[in-house]
Amino acid sequence: MDRRSIDRINALARLSRVRELTPEESEERAELRMKYLAGFRAQMRGQLENTVVEYPDGTRKPLREAGRKKPR
């Protein structure tokens, strides 16, 4: 998400504290929030997919596999 969109979200938030937003402004704010959250989730998902757990013996496993028990 670009800086202009984030600034617009913040401007609408400040405006909503002063007065009630018009239906168009409310719709714009909702749309911008959805885009912001989608970007945030994608970024967080990418971060977690690249996270590894390092065990005391020096082995490293992706976070996704770290919690699984080994079959006997």
PDB file of N, CA and C in Angstrom:
ATOM      1  N   MET A   1       0.852  -1.172   0.000  1.00  0.00           N
ATOM      2  CA  MET A   1       0.000   0.000   0.000  1.00  0.00           C
ATOM      3  C   MET A   1       0.893   1.228   0.000  1.00  0.00           C
ATOM      4  N   ASP A   2       0.553   2.188  -0.809  1.00  0.00           N
ATOM      5  CA  ASP A   2       1.363   3.394  -0.926  1.00  0.00           C
ATOM      6  C   ASP A   2       1.057   4.384   0.210  1.00  0.00           C
ATOM      7  N   ARG A   3       1.987   5.293   0.386  1.00  0.00           N
ATOM      8  CA  ARG A   3       1.888   6.260   1.486  1.00  0.00           C
ATOM      9  C   ARG A   3       0.656   7.157   1.361  1.00  0.00           C
ATOM     10  N   ARG A   4       0.281   7.495   0.127  1.00  0.00           N
ATOM     11  CA  ARG A   4      -0.892   8.358  -0.086  1.00  0.00           C
ATOM     12  C   ARG A   4      -2.169   7.706   0.442  1.00  0.00           C
ATOM     13  N   SER A   5      -2.310   6.401   0.221  1.00  0.00           N
ATOM     14  CA  SER A   5      -3.500   5.690   0.685  1.00  0.00           C
ATOM     15  C   SER A   5      -3.549   5.647   2.217  1.00  0.00           C
ATOM     16  N   ILE A   6      -2.400   5.412   2.819  1.00  0.00           N
ATOM     17  CA  ILE A   6      -2.341   5.371   4.288  1.00  0.00           C
ATOM     18  C   ILE A   6      -2.659   6.748   4.861  1.00  0.00           C
ATOM     19  N   ASP A   7      -2.123   7.779   4.241  1.00  0.00           N
ATOM     20  CA  ASP A   7      -2.430   9.140   4.692  1.00  0.00           C
ATOM     21  C   ASP A   7      -3.928   9.436   4.561  1.00  0.00           C
ATOM     22  N   ARG A   8      -4.540   8.936   3.498  1.00  0.00           N
ATOM     23  CA  ARG A   8      -5.984   9.160   3.303  1.00  0.00           C
ATOM     24  C   ARG A   8      -6.787   8.419   4.369  1.00  0.00           C
ATOM     25  N   ILE A   9      -6.393   7.203   4.706  1.00  0.00           N
ATOM     26  CA  ILE A   9      -7.071   6.459   5.778  1.00  0.00           C
ATOM     27  C   ILE A   9      -7.003   7.269   7.073  1.00  0.00           C
ATOM     28  N   ASN A  10      -5.823   7.785   7.380  1.00  0.00           N
ATOM     29  CA  ASN A  10      -5.643   8.565   8.610  1.00  0.00           C
ATOM     30  C   ASN A  10      -6.459   9.855   8.576  1.00  0.00           C
ATOM     31  N   ALA A  11      -6.516  10.495   7.419  1.00  0.00           N
ATOM     32  CA  ALA A  11      -7.297  11.731   7.300  1.00  0.00           C
ATOM     33  C   ALA A  11      -8.786  11.446   7.530  1.00  0.00           C
ATOM     34  N   LEU A  12      -9.267  10.356   6.972  1.00  0.00           N
ATOM     35  CA  LEU A  12     -10.677   9.995   7.171  1.00  0.00           C
ATOM     36  C   LEU A  12     -10.948   9.628   8.634  1.00  0.00           C
ATOM     37  N   ALA A  13      -9.992   8.989   9.283  1.00  0.00           N
ATOM     38  CA  ALA A  13     -10.154   8.647  10.698  1.00  0.00           C
ATOM     39  C   ALA A  13     -10.245   9.916  11.550  1.00  0.00           C
ATOM     40  N   ARG A  14      -9.360  10.882  11.273  1.00  0.00           N
ATOM     41  CA  ARG A  14      -9.407  12.158  12.008  1.00  0.00           C
ATOM     42  C   ARG A  14     -10.725  12.881  11.752  1.00  0.00           C
ATOM     43  N   LEU A  15     -11.166  12.868  10.515  1.00  0.00           N
ATOM     44  CA  LEU A  15     -12.403  13.535  10.135  1.00  0.00           C
ATOM     45  C   LEU A  15     -13.607  12.885  10.831  1.00  0.00           C
ATOM     46  N   SER A  16     -13.569  11.559  10.972  1.00  0.00           N
ATOM     47  CA  SER A  16     -14.701  10.867  11.600  1.00  0.00           C
ATOM     48  C   SER A  16     -14.823  11.201  13.090  1.00  0.00           C
ATOM     49  N   ARG A  17     -13.734  11.663  13.701  1.00  0.00           N
ATOM     50  CA  ARG A  17     -13.793  12.061  15.108  1.00  0.00           C
ATOM     51  C   ARG A  17     -14.446  13.432  15.259  1.00  0.00           C
ATOM     52  N   VAL A  18     -14.406  14.234  14.198  1.00  0.00           N
ATOM     53  CA  VAL A  18     -14.951  15.589  14.222  1.00  0.00           C
ATOM     54  C   VAL A  18     -16.422  15.595  13.810  1.00  0.00           C
ATOM     55  N   ARG A  19     -16.718  14.844  12.752  1.00  0.00           N
ATOM     56  CA  ARG A  19     -18.093  14.808  12.255  1.00  0.00           C
ATOM     57  C   ARG A  19     -18.382  13.429  11.662  1.00  0.00           C
ATOM     58  N   GLU A  20     -19.617  13.175  11.395  1.00  0.00           N
ATOM     59  CA  GLU A  20     -19.991  11.914  10.769  1.00  0.00           C
ATOM     60  C   GLU A  20     -19.566  11.936   9.306  1.00  0.00           C
ATOM     61  N   LEU A  21     -19.013  10.833   8.836  1.00  0.00           N
ATOM     62  CA  LEU A  21     -18.575  10.759   7.443  1.00  0.00           C
ATOM     63  C   LEU A  21     -19.767  10.609   6.514  1.00  0.00           C
ATOM     64  N   THR A  22     -19.618  11.131   5.317  1.00  0.00           N
ATOM     65  CA  THR A  22     -20.655  10.951   4.309  1.00  0.00           C
ATOM     66  C   THR A  22     -20.621   9.493   3.851  1.00  0.00           C
ATOM     67  N   PRO A  23     -21.688   9.008   3.235  1.00  0.00           N
ATOM     68  CA  PRO A  23     -21.678   7.620   2.744  1.00  0.00           C
ATOM     69  C   PRO A  23     -20.508   7.345   1.788  1.00  0.00           C
ATOM     70  N   GLU A  24     -20.162   8.313   0.943  1.00  0.00           N
ATOM     71  CA  GLU A  24     -19.039   8.133   0.017  1.00  0.00           C
ATOM     72  C   GLU A  24     -17.720   8.014   0.771  1.00  0.00           C
ATOM     73  N   GLU A  25     -17.550   8.845   1.793  1.00  0.00           N
ATOM     74  CA  GLU A  25     -16.324   8.791   2.591  1.00  0.00           C
ATOM     75  C   GLU A  25     -16.240   7.486   3.370  1.00  0.00           C
ATOM     76  N   SER A  26     -17.364   7.036   3.915  1.00  0.00           N
ATOM     77  CA  SER A  26     -17.382   5.773   4.643  1.00  0.00           C
ATOM     78  C   SER A  26     -17.032   4.612   3.728  1.00  0.00           C
ATOM     79  N   GLU A  27     -17.555   4.636   2.524  1.00  0.00           N
ATOM     80  CA  GLU A  27     -17.264   3.582   1.555  1.00  0.00           C
ATOM     81  C   GLU A  27     -15.785   3.604   1.160  1.00  0.00           C
ATOM     82  N   GLU A  28     -15.256   4.800   0.949  1.00  0.00           N
ATOM     83  CA  GLU A  28     -13.839   4.935   0.608  1.00  0.00           C
ATOM     84  C   GLU A  28     -12.962   4.424   1.742  1.00  0.00           C
ATOM     85  N   ARG A  29     -13.307   4.775   2.967  1.00  0.00           N
ATOM     86  CA  ARG A  29     -12.531   4.326   4.128  1.00  0.00           C
ATOM     87  C   ARG A  29     -12.562   2.816   4.255  1.00  0.00           C
ATOM     88  N   ALA A  30     -13.730   2.213   4.054  1.00  0.00           N
ATOM     89  CA  ALA A  30     -13.857   0.759   4.148  1.00  0.00           C
ATOM     90  C   ALA A  30     -13.013   0.073   3.075  1.00  0.00           C
ATOM     91  N   GLU A  31     -13.049   0.605   1.862  1.00  0.00           N
ATOM     92  CA  GLU A  31     -12.269   0.030   0.767  1.00  0.00           C
ATOM     93  C   GLU A  31     -10.765   0.144   1.032  1.00  0.00           C
ATOM     94  N   LEU A  32     -10.335   1.310   1.500  1.00  0.00           N
ATOM     95  CA  LEU A  32      -8.920   1.498   1.805  1.00  0.00           C
ATOM     96  C   LEU A  32      -8.472   0.598   2.955  1.00  0.00           C
ATOM     97  N   ARG A  33      -9.308   0.431   3.939  1.00  0.00           N
ATOM     98  CA  ARG A  33      -8.972  -0.451   5.061  1.00  0.00           C
ATOM     99  C   ARG A  33      -8.820  -1.893   4.597  1.00  0.00           C
ATOM    100  N   MET A  34      -9.725  -2.334   3.720  1.00  0.00           N
ATOM    101  CA  MET A  34      -9.647  -3.706   3.204  1.00  0.00           C
ATOM    102  C   MET A  34      -8.347  -3.925   2.441  1.00  0.00           C
ATOM    103  N   LYS A  35      -7.947  -2.963   1.625  1.00  0.00           N
ATOM    104  CA  LYS A  35      -6.699  -3.070   0.875  1.00  0.00           C
ATOM    105  C   LYS A  35      -5.499  -3.079   1.820  1.00  0.00           C
ATOM    106  N   TYR A  36      -5.561  -2.228   2.850  1.00  0.00           N
ATOM    107  CA  TYR A  36      -4.475  -2.173   3.823  1.00  0.00           C
ATOM    108  C   TYR A  36      -4.336  -3.508   4.545  1.00  0.00           C
ATOM    109  N   LEU A  37      -5.453  -4.064   5.000  1.00  0.00           N
ATOM    110  CA  LEU A  37      -5.407  -5.337   5.716  1.00  0.00           C
ATOM    111  C   LEU A  37      -4.938  -6.482   4.822  1.00  0.00           C
ATOM    112  N   ALA A  38      -5.350  -6.482   3.565  1.00  0.00           N
ATOM    113  CA  ALA A  38      -4.903  -7.518   2.638  1.00  0.00           C
ATOM    114  C   ALA A  38      -3.381  -7.457   2.465  1.00  0.00           C
ATOM    115  N   GLY A  39      -2.848  -6.260   2.322  1.00  0.00           N
ATOM    116  CA  GLY A  39      -1.401  -6.086   2.206  1.00  0.00           C
ATOM    117  C   GLY A  39      -0.670  -6.501   3.471  1.00  0.00           C
ATOM    118  N   PHE A  40      -1.228  -6.145   4.611  1.00  0.00           N
ATOM    119  CA  PHE A  40      -0.629  -6.512   5.899  1.00  0.00           C
ATOM    120  C   PHE A  40      -0.588  -8.022   6.059  1.00  0.00           C
ATOM    121  N   ARG A  41      -1.691  -8.680   5.742  1.00  0.00           N
ATOM    122  CA  ARG A  41      -1.754 -10.142   5.865  1.00  0.00           C
ATOM    123  C   ARG A  41      -0.763 -10.821   4.935  1.00  0.00           C
ATOM    124  N   ALA A  42      -0.649 -10.332   3.706  1.00  0.00           N
ATOM    125  CA  ALA A  42       0.295 -10.915   2.752  1.00  0.00           C
ATOM    126  C   ALA A  42       1.731 -10.755   3.240  1.00  0.00           C
ATOM    127  N   GLN A  43       2.039  -9.586   3.776  1.00  0.00           N
ATOM    128  CA  GLN A  43       3.382  -9.337   4.288  1.00  0.00           C
ATOM    129  C   GLN A  43       3.679 -10.248   5.486  1.00  0.00           C
ATOM    130  N   MET A  44       2.712 -10.390   6.380  1.00  0.00           N
ATOM    131  CA  MET A  44       2.905 -11.230   7.562  1.00  0.00           C
ATOM    132  C   MET A  44       3.048 -12.700   7.168  1.00  0.00           C
ATOM    133  N   ARG A  45       2.240 -13.142   6.207  1.00  0.00           N
ATOM    134  CA  ARG A  45       2.313 -14.517   5.726  1.00  0.00           C
ATOM    135  C   ARG A  45       3.703 -14.788   5.144  1.00  0.00           C
ATOM    136  N   GLY A  46       4.212 -13.865   4.350  1.00  0.00           N
ATOM    137  CA  GLY A  46       5.553 -14.016   3.786  1.00  0.00           C
ATOM    138  C   GLY A  46       6.614 -14.078   4.866  1.00  0.00           C
ATOM    139  N   GLN A  47       6.479 -13.263   5.883  1.00  0.00           N
ATOM    140  CA  GLN A  47       7.436 -13.263   6.997  1.00  0.00           C
ATOM    141  C   GLN A  47       7.427 -14.613   7.710  1.00  0.00           C
ATOM    142  N   LEU A  48       6.239 -15.145   7.987  1.00  0.00           N
ATOM    143  CA  LEU A  48       6.146 -16.419   8.695  1.00  0.00           C
ATOM    144  C   LEU A  48       6.635 -17.587   7.847  1.00  0.00           C
ATOM    145  N   GLU A  49       6.422 -17.519   6.536  1.00  0.00           N
ATOM    146  CA  GLU A  49       6.881 -18.593   5.663  1.00  0.00           C
ATOM    147  C   GLU A  49       8.403 -18.636   5.579  1.00  0.00           C
ATOM    148  N   ASN A  50       9.059 -17.534   5.854  1.00  0.00           N
ATOM    149  CA  ASN A  50      10.523 -17.485   5.812  1.00  0.00           C
ATOM    150  C   ASN A  50      11.161 -17.561   7.195  1.00  0.00           C
ATOM    151  N   THR A  51      10.381 -17.895   8.208  1.00  0.00           N
ATOM    152  CA  THR A  51      10.895 -18.008   9.566  1.00  0.00           C
ATOM    153  C   THR A  51      11.308 -19.456   9.834  1.00  0.00           C
ATOM    154  N   VAL A  52      12.466 -19.626  10.441  1.00  0.00           N
ATOM    155  CA  VAL A  52      12.940 -20.965  10.786  1.00  0.00           C
ATOM    156  C   VAL A  52      13.172 -21.041  12.296  1.00  0.00           C
ATOM    157  N   VAL A  53      13.081 -22.259  12.805  1.00  0.00           N
ATOM    158  CA  VAL A  53      13.351 -22.517  14.220  1.00  0.00           C
ATOM    159  C   VAL A  53      14.681 -23.256  14.285  1.00  0.00           C
ATOM    160  N   GLU A  54      15.585 -22.741  15.113  1.00  0.00           N
ATOM    161  CA  GLU A  54      16.881 -23.396  15.273  1.00  0.00           C
ATOM    162  C   GLU A  54      16.902 -24.106  16.622  1.00  0.00           C
ATOM    163  N   TYR A  55      17.190 -25.388  16.592  1.00  0.00           N
ATOM    164  CA  TYR A  55      17.219 -26.212  17.791  1.00  0.00           C
ATOM    165  C   TYR A  55      18.621 -26.204  18.404  1.00  0.00           C
ATOM    166  N   PRO A  56      18.726 -26.579  19.683  1.00  0.00           N
ATOM    167  CA  PRO A  56      20.032 -26.561  20.358  1.00  0.00           C
ATOM    168  C   PRO A  56      21.097 -27.404  19.645  1.00  0.00           C
ATOM    169  N   ASP A  57      20.696 -28.464  18.936  1.00  0.00           N
ATOM    170  CA  ASP A  57      21.679 -29.295  18.240  1.00  0.00           C
ATOM    171  C   ASP A  57      22.127 -28.678  16.912  1.00  0.00           C
ATOM    172  N   GLY A  58      21.600 -27.505  16.579  1.00  0.00           N
ATOM    173  CA  GLY A  58      22.011 -26.801  15.381  1.00  0.00           C
ATOM    174  C   GLY A  58      21.124 -27.022  14.166  1.00  0.00           C
ATOM    175  N   THR A  59      20.173 -27.945  14.267  1.00  0.00           N
ATOM    176  CA  THR A  59      19.285 -28.171  13.133  1.00  0.00           C
ATOM    177  C   THR A  59      18.299 -27.022  13.006  1.00  0.00           C
ATOM    178  N   ARG A  60      17.895 -26.791  11.784  1.00  0.00           N
ATOM    179  CA  ARG A  60      16.957 -25.701  11.509  1.00  0.00           C
ATOM    180  C   ARG A  60      15.800 -26.273  10.705  1.00  0.00           C
ATOM    181  N   LYS A  61      14.593 -25.875  11.094  1.00  0.00           N
ATOM    182  CA  LYS A  61      13.399 -26.318  10.386  1.00  0.00           C
ATOM    183  C   LYS A  61      12.498 -25.116  10.145  1.00  0.00           C
ATOM    184  N   PRO A  62      11.791 -25.138   9.013  1.00  0.00           N
ATOM    185  CA  PRO A  62      10.814 -24.074   8.789  1.00  0.00           C
ATOM    186  C   PRO A  62       9.761 -24.079   9.900  1.00  0.00           C
ATOM    187  N   LEU A  63       9.244 -22.931  10.213  1.00  0.00           N
ATOM    188  CA  LEU A  63       8.277 -22.803  11.301  1.00  0.00           C
ATOM    189  C   LEU A  63       7.106 -23.756  11.118  1.00  0.00           C
ATOM    190  N   ARG A  64       6.688 -23.936   9.891  1.00  0.00           N
ATOM    191  CA  ARG A  64       5.550 -24.805   9.589  1.00  0.00           C
ATOM    192  C   ARG A  64       5.803 -26.244  10.050  1.00  0.00           C
ATOM    193  N   GLU A  65       7.050 -26.713   9.987  1.00  0.00           N
ATOM    194  CA  GLU A  65       7.381 -28.084  10.354  1.00  0.00           C
ATOM    195  C   GLU A  65       7.877 -28.212  11.786  1.00  0.00           C
ATOM    196  N   ALA A  66       8.167 -27.127  12.435  1.00  0.00           N
ATOM    197  CA  ALA A  66       8.807 -27.153  13.746  1.00  0.00           C
ATOM    198  C   ALA A  66       7.932 -27.778  14.826  1.00  0.00           C
ATOM    199  N   GLY A  67       6.643 -27.599  14.770  1.00  0.00           N
ATOM    200  CA  GLY A  67       5.771 -28.095  15.821  1.00  0.00           C
ATOM    201  C   GLY A  67       5.344 -29.543  15.648  1.00  0.00           C
ATOM    202  N   ARG A  68       5.646 -30.127  14.507  1.00  0.00           N
ATOM    203  CA  ARG A  68       5.241 -31.509  14.237  1.00  0.00           C
ATOM    204  C   ARG A  68       6.147 -32.495  14.949  1.00  0.00           C
ATOM    205  N   LYS A  69       5.528 -33.577  15.432  1.00  0.00           N
ATOM    206  CA  LYS A  69       6.312 -34.632  16.072  1.00  0.00           C
ATOM    207  C   LYS A  69       6.822 -35.588  15.021  1.00  0.00           C
ATOM    208  N   LYS A  70       7.984 -36.170  15.300  1.00  0.00           N
ATOM    209  CA  LYS A  70       8.579 -37.122  14.377  1.00  0.00           C
ATOM    210  C   LYS A  70       7.857 -38.462  14.475  1.00  0.00           C
ATOM    211  N   PRO A  71       7.583 -39.124  13.351  1.00  0.00           N
ATOM    212  CA  PRO A  71       6.972 -40.456  13.417  1.00  0.00           C
ATOM    213  C   PRO A  71       7.958 -41.449  13.994  1.00  0.00           C
ATOM    214  N   ARG A  72       7.474 -42.431  14.734  1.00  0.00           N
ATOM    215  CA  ARG A  72       8.353 -43.442  15.352  1.00  0.00           C
ATOM    216  C   ARG A  72       8.456 -44.666  14.529  1.00  0.00           C
TER     217      ARG A  72
END
